[in-house]
Amino acid sequence: MNRGDWQRLLHMRTYCEDIAKFIDRFGDDFQIFTADRAYFNAVSMCILQIGELANGLSDEFREETKSEMPWGMIRGMRNWLAHSYAETDEKILWETARNDIPKVRAFCERKCAEYRG
């Protein structure tokens, strides 16, 4: 991993932490998530940013870690949010925030701890 990848992973981790804080603050409830536009938009923006940062990771790093992280899906989620926002499936976004983002966070924490730049 190079320094640029490490920095991107740090930022990704921060966005993952933000999503966890939003869930704690607003409530771990799909109905609240869909009813509160601030909550929905905050989580959406963090997921979009995670995908944007994943786009900036080196090809080498993504190749080395492709068995650990579904980089194509992460980048695809970013594109879906950026280009089809009016058609965003709230259930998919909620499931991503609840089930996938904690895995991304754990990956980022592990890789950042391993970095010896």
N, C-alpha and C. Protein backbone atom coordinates (compact mmCIF):
# COMPACT_ATOMS: atom_id res chain seq x y z
N MET A 1 0.85 -1.17 0.00
CA MET A 1 0.00 0.00 0.00
C MET A 1 0.90 1.23 0.00
N ASN A 2 0.53 2.21 -0.81
CA ASN A 2 1.30 3.45 -0.81
C ASN A 2 0.63 4.48 0.11
N ARG A 3 1.30 5.59 0.30
CA ARG A 3 0.79 6.62 1.22
C ARG A 3 -0.57 7.17 0.77
N GLY A 4 -0.76 7.34 -0.52
CA GLY A 4 -2.04 7.83 -1.02
C GLY A 4 -3.19 6.88 -0.70
N ASP A 5 -2.94 5.58 -0.86
CA ASP A 5 -3.96 4.58 -0.51
C ASP A 5 -4.28 4.66 0.98
N TRP A 6 -3.24 4.76 1.79
CA TRP A 6 -3.42 4.84 3.24
C TRP A 6 -4.28 6.06 3.60
N GLN A 7 -3.98 7.20 3.00
CA GLN A 7 -4.76 8.41 3.29
C GLN A 7 -6.22 8.25 2.87
N ARG A 8 -6.45 7.64 1.73
CA ARG A 8 -7.82 7.41 1.28
C ARG A 8 -8.55 6.46 2.24
N LEU A 9 -7.86 5.43 2.69
CA LEU A 9 -8.48 4.52 3.64
C LEU A 9 -8.82 5.21 4.96
N LEU A 10 -7.98 6.12 5.39
CA LEU A 10 -8.29 6.89 6.61
C LEU A 10 -9.57 7.69 6.42
N HIS A 11 -9.70 8.32 5.27
CA HIS A 11 -10.92 9.10 4.98
C HIS A 11 -12.14 8.20 4.87
N MET A 12 -11.97 7.05 4.22
CA MET A 12 -13.07 6.10 4.12
C MET A 12 -13.52 5.66 5.51
N ARG A 13 -12.56 5.38 6.37
CA ARG A 13 -12.89 4.98 7.74
C ARG A 13 -13.69 6.06 8.44
N THR A 14 -13.29 7.31 8.25
CA THR A 14 -14.02 8.42 8.87
C THR A 14 -15.46 8.47 8.40
N TYR A 15 -15.69 8.29 7.10
CA TYR A 15 -17.07 8.29 6.59
C TYR A 15 -17.86 7.11 7.15
N CYS A 16 -17.21 5.96 7.31
CA CYS A 16 -17.87 4.81 7.93
C CYS A 16 -18.25 5.13 9.37
N GLU A 17 -17.34 5.76 10.09
CA GLU A 17 -17.62 6.16 11.48
C GLU A 17 -18.77 7.16 11.53
N ASP A 18 -18.79 8.07 10.57
CA ASP A 18 -19.89 9.05 10.52
C ASP A 18 -21.23 8.35 10.36
N ILE A 19 -21.29 7.36 9.48
CA ILE A 19 -22.55 6.63 9.28
C ILE A 19 -22.97 5.95 10.58
N ALA A 20 -22.03 5.34 11.29
CA ALA A 20 -22.36 4.71 12.58
C ALA A 20 -22.90 5.75 13.56
N LYS A 21 -22.31 6.92 13.57
CA LYS A 21 -22.79 7.99 14.46
C LYS A 21 -24.18 8.47 14.07
N PHE A 22 -24.45 8.55 12.78
CA PHE A 22 -25.79 8.95 12.33
C PHE A 22 -26.84 7.93 12.78
N ILE A 23 -26.49 6.66 12.67
CA ILE A 23 -27.43 5.61 13.09
C ILE A 23 -27.67 5.72 14.60
N ASP A 24 -26.61 5.96 15.37
CA ASP A 24 -26.78 6.15 16.81
C ASP A 24 -27.62 7.39 17.12
N ARG A 25 -27.37 8.46 16.40
CA ARG A 25 -28.05 9.73 16.67
C ARG A 25 -29.52 9.72 16.25
N PHE A 26 -29.78 9.25 15.04
CA PHE A 26 -31.14 9.34 14.50
C PHE A 26 -31.98 8.10 14.81
N GLY A 27 -31.33 6.97 15.00
CA GLY A 27 -32.06 5.75 15.31
C GLY A 27 -31.79 4.65 14.29
N ASP A 28 -31.73 3.45 14.81
CA ASP A 28 -31.48 2.27 13.99
C ASP A 28 -32.83 1.72 13.52
N ASP A 29 -33.49 2.50 12.67
CA ASP A 29 -34.84 2.17 12.24
C ASP A 29 -35.06 2.64 10.81
N PHE A 30 -35.44 1.72 9.96
CA PHE A 30 -35.63 2.03 8.54
C PHE A 30 -36.70 3.11 8.34
N GLN A 31 -37.76 3.08 9.12
CA GLN A 31 -38.83 4.07 8.96
C GLN A 31 -38.33 5.49 9.27
N ILE A 32 -37.52 5.62 10.29
CA ILE A 32 -36.93 6.93 10.62
C ILE A 32 -36.00 7.36 9.49
N PHE A 33 -35.18 6.42 9.01
CA PHE A 33 -34.24 6.70 7.94
C PHE A 33 -34.95 7.25 6.70
N THR A 34 -36.05 6.64 6.32
CA THR A 34 -36.75 7.08 5.10
C THR A 34 -37.57 8.35 5.33
N ALA A 35 -37.97 8.60 6.57
CA ALA A 35 -38.79 9.78 6.86
C ALA A 35 -37.97 11.04 7.07
N ASP A 36 -36.76 10.89 7.56
CA ASP A 36 -35.92 12.04 7.89
C ASP A 36 -34.92 12.28 6.76
N ARG A 37 -35.18 13.29 5.96
CA ARG A 37 -34.35 13.56 4.78
C ARG A 37 -32.91 13.92 5.16
N ALA A 38 -32.73 14.58 6.30
CA ALA A 38 -31.36 14.91 6.73
C ALA A 38 -30.57 13.63 7.00
N TYR A 39 -31.20 12.69 7.66
CA TYR A 39 -30.58 11.39 7.96
C TYR A 39 -30.26 10.66 6.65
N PHE A 40 -31.24 10.55 5.80
CA PHE A 40 -31.08 9.86 4.51
C PHE A 40 -29.97 10.51 3.68
N ASN A 41 -30.00 11.82 3.59
CA ASN A 41 -29.00 12.52 2.78
C ASN A 41 -27.59 12.42 3.37
N ALA A 42 -27.49 12.46 4.68
CA ALA A 42 -26.18 12.35 5.32
C ALA A 42 -25.56 10.98 5.04
N VAL A 43 -26.33 9.93 5.20
CA VAL A 43 -25.83 8.58 4.94
C VAL A 43 -25.50 8.42 3.46
N SER A 44 -26.37 8.92 2.60
CA SER A 44 -26.13 8.83 1.15
C SER A 44 -24.83 9.50 0.75
N MET A 45 -24.59 10.68 1.28
CA MET A 45 -23.38 11.41 0.93
C MET A 45 -22.13 10.68 1.42
N CYS A 46 -22.19 10.11 2.60
CA CYS A 46 -21.04 9.35 3.10
C CYS A 46 -20.75 8.14 2.23
N ILE A 47 -21.78 7.42 1.83
CA ILE A 47 -21.59 6.26 0.97
C ILE A 47 -21.04 6.68 -0.39
N LEU A 48 -21.53 7.78 -0.91
CA LEU A 48 -21.01 8.31 -2.17
C LEU A 48 -19.53 8.65 -2.03
N GLN A 49 -19.16 9.29 -0.94
CA GLN A 49 -17.77 9.68 -0.72
C GLN A 49 -16.87 8.45 -0.56
N ILE A 50 -17.35 7.42 0.09
CA ILE A 50 -16.57 6.19 0.22
C ILE A 50 -16.29 5.63 -1.17
N GLY A 51 -17.28 5.62 -2.02
CA GLY A 51 -17.09 5.15 -3.39
C GLY A 51 -16.14 6.01 -4.18
N GLU A 52 -16.22 7.29 -3.97
CA GLU A 52 -15.31 8.22 -4.66
C GLU A 52 -13.87 7.97 -4.22
N LEU A 53 -13.67 7.79 -2.93
CA LEU A 53 -12.33 7.49 -2.42
C LEU A 53 -11.83 6.15 -2.94
N ALA A 54 -12.72 5.17 -3.01
CA ALA A 54 -12.33 3.86 -3.54
C ALA A 54 -11.87 3.99 -4.99
N ASN A 55 -12.49 4.88 -5.75
CA ASN A 55 -12.07 5.13 -7.13
C ASN A 55 -10.63 5.61 -7.19
N GLY A 56 -10.18 6.32 -6.17
CA GLY A 56 -8.84 6.88 -6.16
C GLY A 56 -7.76 5.95 -5.64
N LEU A 57 -8.14 4.78 -5.13
CA LEU A 57 -7.14 3.83 -4.67
C LEU A 57 -6.35 3.31 -5.87
N SER A 58 -5.11 2.98 -5.64
CA SER A 58 -4.27 2.49 -6.73
C SER A 58 -4.81 1.16 -7.26
N ASP A 59 -4.60 0.94 -8.54
CA ASP A 59 -4.99 -0.33 -9.14
C ASP A 59 -4.32 -1.50 -8.43
N GLU A 60 -3.07 -1.30 -8.04
CA GLU A 60 -2.32 -2.35 -7.36
C GLU A 60 -2.98 -2.73 -6.03
N PHE A 61 -3.37 -1.73 -5.26
CA PHE A 61 -3.99 -2.00 -3.96
C PHE A 61 -5.33 -2.71 -4.14
N ARG A 62 -6.14 -2.21 -5.08
CA ARG A 62 -7.44 -2.85 -5.31
C ARG A 62 -7.25 -4.29 -5.77
N GLU A 63 -6.26 -4.53 -6.60
CA GLU A 63 -6.00 -5.89 -7.08
C GLU A 63 -5.55 -6.79 -5.92
N GLU A 64 -4.66 -6.29 -5.07
CA GLU A 64 -4.16 -7.06 -3.93
C GLU A 64 -5.25 -7.41 -2.93
N THR A 65 -6.26 -6.57 -2.82
CA THR A 65 -7.28 -6.73 -1.78
C THR A 65 -8.66 -7.09 -2.32
N LYS A 66 -8.74 -7.44 -3.58
CA LYS A 66 -10.05 -7.70 -4.18
C LYS A 66 -10.78 -8.89 -3.55
N SER A 67 -10.05 -9.80 -2.92
CA SER A 67 -10.72 -10.91 -2.24
C SER A 67 -11.31 -10.47 -0.89
N GLU A 68 -10.89 -9.30 -0.41
CA GLU A 68 -11.37 -8.79 0.88
C GLU A 68 -12.46 -7.74 0.74
N MET A 69 -12.43 -6.99 -0.34
CA MET A 69 -13.37 -5.90 -0.55
C MET A 69 -13.92 -5.95 -1.98
N PRO A 70 -15.23 -5.79 -2.12
CA PRO A 70 -15.83 -5.78 -3.46
C PRO A 70 -15.72 -4.39 -4.09
N TRP A 71 -14.53 -4.04 -4.52
CA TRP A 71 -14.27 -2.68 -5.00
C TRP A 71 -15.21 -2.26 -6.12
N GLY A 72 -15.49 -3.17 -7.03
CA GLY A 72 -16.40 -2.83 -8.13
C GLY A 72 -17.78 -2.44 -7.63
N MET A 73 -18.28 -3.15 -6.64
CA MET A 73 -19.59 -2.84 -6.08
C MET A 73 -19.57 -1.51 -5.32
N ILE A 74 -18.48 -1.27 -4.61
CA ILE A 74 -18.36 -0.01 -3.86
C ILE A 74 -18.34 1.16 -4.83
N ARG A 75 -17.58 1.03 -5.88
CA ARG A 75 -17.51 2.09 -6.88
C ARG A 75 -18.84 2.21 -7.64
N GLY A 76 -19.47 1.07 -7.88
CA GLY A 76 -20.77 1.08 -8.54
C GLY A 76 -21.83 1.78 -7.70
N MET A 77 -21.79 1.59 -6.39
CA MET A 77 -22.74 2.27 -5.50
C MET A 77 -22.57 3.78 -5.61
N ARG A 78 -21.33 4.23 -5.69
CA ARG A 78 -21.06 5.66 -5.85
C ARG A 78 -21.69 6.17 -7.15
N ASN A 79 -21.49 5.44 -8.22
CA ASN A 79 -22.04 5.86 -9.51
C ASN A 79 -23.56 5.87 -9.49
N TRP A 80 -24.15 4.88 -8.85
CA TRP A 80 -25.60 4.80 -8.74
C TRP A 80 -26.15 6.01 -7.97
N LEU A 81 -25.51 6.34 -6.86
CA LEU A 81 -25.96 7.49 -6.08
C LEU A 81 -25.75 8.80 -6.83
N ALA A 82 -24.63 8.91 -7.52
CA ALA A 82 -24.30 10.16 -8.20
C ALA A 82 -25.17 10.40 -9.43
N HIS A 83 -25.58 9.35 -10.10
CA HIS A 83 -26.24 9.52 -11.39
C HIS A 83 -27.71 9.16 -11.42
N SER A 84 -28.21 8.50 -10.39
CA SER A 84 -29.62 8.10 -10.36
C SER A 84 -30.25 8.42 -9.02
N TYR A 85 -29.89 9.55 -8.47
CA TYR A 85 -30.30 9.88 -7.11
C TYR A 85 -31.81 9.85 -6.93
N ALA A 86 -32.55 10.37 -7.88
CA ALA A 86 -34.01 10.40 -7.76
C ALA A 86 -34.60 9.00 -7.73
N GLU A 87 -33.86 8.03 -8.23
CA GLU A 87 -34.35 6.66 -8.29
C GLU A 87 -33.70 5.77 -7.24
N THR A 88 -33.06 6.36 -6.25
CA THR A 88 -32.34 5.59 -5.23
C THR A 88 -33.31 4.71 -4.46
N ASP A 89 -32.98 3.45 -4.33
CA ASP A 89 -33.76 2.50 -3.56
C ASP A 89 -33.36 2.64 -2.10
N GLU A 90 -34.27 3.16 -1.29
CA GLU A 90 -33.97 3.43 0.11
C GLU A 90 -33.60 2.17 0.87
N LYS A 91 -34.22 1.06 0.53
CA LYS A 91 -33.95 -0.20 1.22
C LYS A 91 -32.51 -0.66 0.96
N ILE A 92 -32.05 -0.55 -0.28
CA ILE A 92 -30.67 -0.94 -0.60
C ILE A 92 -29.68 -0.04 0.14
N LEU A 93 -29.97 1.25 0.17
CA LEU A 93 -29.08 2.18 0.87
C LEU A 93 -29.03 1.87 2.37
N TRP A 94 -30.19 1.59 2.95
CA TRP A 94 -30.26 1.25 4.37
C TRP A 94 -29.48 -0.04 4.66
N GLU A 95 -29.70 -1.06 3.84
CA GLU A 95 -28.99 -2.32 4.03
C GLU A 95 -27.48 -2.14 3.88
N THR A 96 -27.08 -1.30 2.95
CA THR A 96 -25.65 -1.00 2.78
C THR A 96 -25.09 -0.35 4.04
N ALA A 97 -25.79 0.64 4.55
CA ALA A 97 -25.34 1.35 5.75
C ALA A 97 -25.25 0.41 6.95
N ARG A 98 -26.23 -0.45 7.09
CA ARG A 98 -26.31 -1.32 8.27
C ARG A 98 -25.40 -2.54 8.18
N ASN A 99 -25.27 -3.13 6.98
CA ASN A 99 -24.59 -4.42 6.86
C ASN A 99 -23.21 -4.35 6.22
N ASP A 100 -23.05 -3.47 5.24
CA ASP A 100 -21.80 -3.43 4.49
C ASP A 100 -20.80 -2.42 5.03
N ILE A 101 -21.27 -1.28 5.45
CA ILE A 101 -20.36 -0.23 5.92
C ILE A 101 -19.55 -0.67 7.13
N PRO A 102 -20.10 -1.41 8.09
CA PRO A 102 -19.25 -1.89 9.18
C PRO A 102 -18.09 -2.78 8.69
N LYS A 103 -18.31 -3.54 7.63
CA LYS A 103 -17.24 -4.37 7.06
C LYS A 103 -16.18 -3.51 6.39
N VAL A 104 -16.62 -2.47 5.71
CA VAL A 104 -15.66 -1.54 5.09
C VAL A 104 -14.84 -0.86 6.18
N ARG A 105 -15.51 -0.46 7.24
CA ARG A 105 -14.81 0.19 8.36
C ARG A 105 -13.76 -0.72 8.96
N ALA A 106 -14.12 -1.97 9.21
CA ALA A 106 -13.17 -2.92 9.80
C ALA A 106 -11.98 -3.15 8.87
N PHE A 107 -12.24 -3.24 7.57
CA PHE A 107 -11.16 -3.41 6.60
C PHE A 107 -10.22 -2.21 6.64
N CYS A 108 -10.78 -1.01 6.62
CA CYS A 108 -9.96 0.21 6.64
C CYS A 108 -9.13 0.29 7.92
N GLU A 109 -9.74 -0.03 9.04
CA GLU A 109 -9.01 0.00 10.30
C GLU A 109 -7.85 -0.99 10.29
N ARG A 110 -8.09 -2.17 9.78
CA ARG A 110 -7.06 -3.21 9.74
C ARG A 110 -5.91 -2.79 8.81
N LYS A 111 -6.24 -2.33 7.63
CA LYS A 111 -5.22 -1.96 6.66
C LYS A 111 -4.44 -0.73 7.11
N CYS A 112 -5.11 0.23 7.71
CA CYS A 112 -4.41 1.42 8.21
C CYS A 112 -3.45 1.06 9.33
N ALA A 113 -3.85 0.11 10.19
CA ALA A 113 -2.98 -0.32 11.27
C ALA A 113 -1.75 -1.07 10.76
N GLU A 114 -1.90 -1.73 9.61
CA GLU A 114 -0.79 -2.49 9.02
C GLU A 114 0.20 -1.58 8.27
N TYR A 115 -0.23 -0.38 7.92
CA TYR A 115 0.60 0.48 7.08
C TYR A 115 1.86 0.90 7.81
N ARG A 116 2.97 0.79 7.12
CA ARG A 116 4.26 1.13 7.71
C ARG A 116 5.00 2.19 6.90
N GLY A 117 4.28 2.95 6.08
CA GLY A 117 4.81 3.97 5.19
C GLY A 117 6.07 4.55 5.57
